[in-house]
């Protein structure tokens, strides 16, 4: 290939680092993955709302 082994290994390591850094923020590609992400956000929001309502209920008792 005309590329030194060390250079190629360095590129591979760098690519792995870049992929790890981007993975949490990368948008899912499959529609199912997007739906799962959206549903998890919705569950979190609903749980937060429930907690707020529970705290208000305890305060008003």
Protein backbone atom coordinates (compact mmCIF):
# COMPACT_ATOMS: atom_id res chain seq x y z
CA UNK A 1 0.00 0.00 0.00
CA UNK A 2 2.93 2.32 0.45
CA UNK A 3 1.84 3.28 3.98
CA UNK A 4 3.95 2.37 6.95
CA UNK A 5 2.47 0.04 9.52
CA UNK A 6 3.04 2.54 12.32
CA UNK A 7 1.28 5.28 10.37
CA UNK A 8 -1.68 3.04 9.63
CA UNK A 9 -1.94 1.94 13.28
CA UNK A 10 -1.78 5.57 14.37
CA UNK A 11 -4.63 6.48 12.03
CA UNK A 12 -6.72 3.58 13.31
CA UNK A 13 -6.14 4.61 16.94
CA UNK A 14 -7.05 8.21 16.13
CA UNK A 15 -10.22 7.13 14.32
CA UNK A 16 -11.27 5.02 17.31
CA UNK A 17 -10.74 7.99 19.64
CA UNK A 18 -12.77 10.26 17.37
CA UNK A 19 -15.60 7.74 17.15
CA UNK A 20 -15.72 7.30 20.93
CA UNK A 21 -15.84 11.06 21.42
CA UNK A 22 -18.70 11.44 18.94
CA UNK A 23 -20.73 8.37 19.85
CA UNK A 24 -22.89 9.87 22.64
CA UNK A 25 -23.77 12.91 20.55
CA UNK A 26 -24.15 11.18 17.24
CA UNK A 27 -27.68 11.04 15.95
CA UNK A 28 -29.04 7.52 15.51
CA UNK A 29 -29.33 6.40 11.92
CA UNK A 30 -32.08 3.83 12.13
CA UNK A 31 -35.64 5.06 12.67
CA UNK A 32 -36.00 2.57 15.51
CA UNK A 33 -32.97 4.05 17.25
CA UNK A 34 -34.42 7.56 16.94
CA UNK A 35 -37.73 6.35 18.31
CA UNK A 36 -36.03 4.68 21.27
CA UNK A 37 -34.05 7.85 21.97
CA UNK A 38 -37.20 9.98 21.78
CA UNK A 39 -39.16 7.61 24.01
CA UNK A 40 -36.40 7.62 26.61
CA UNK A 41 -36.47 11.42 26.64
CA UNK A 42 -40.24 11.35 27.02
CA UNK A 43 -40.04 8.86 29.91
CA UNK A 44 -37.47 11.03 31.66
CA UNK A 45 -39.63 14.14 31.25
CA UNK A 46 -42.75 12.36 32.52
CA UNK A 47 -40.86 10.99 35.53
CA UNK A 48 -39.62 14.49 36.34
CA UNK A 49 -43.16 15.86 36.08
CA UNK A 50 -44.43 13.06 38.33
CA UNK A 51 -41.76 13.85 40.91
CA UNK A 52 -42.72 17.52 40.88
CA UNK A 53 -46.40 16.67 41.35
CA UNK A 54 -45.57 14.25 44.17
CA UNK A 55 -43.54 16.92 45.97
CA UNK A 56 -46.38 19.43 45.58
CA UNK A 57 -48.86 16.89 46.91
CA UNK A 58 -46.73 16.25 50.00
CA UNK A 59 -46.40 19.99 50.63
CA UNK A 60 -50.15 20.61 50.39
CA UNK A 61 -51.12 17.79 52.75
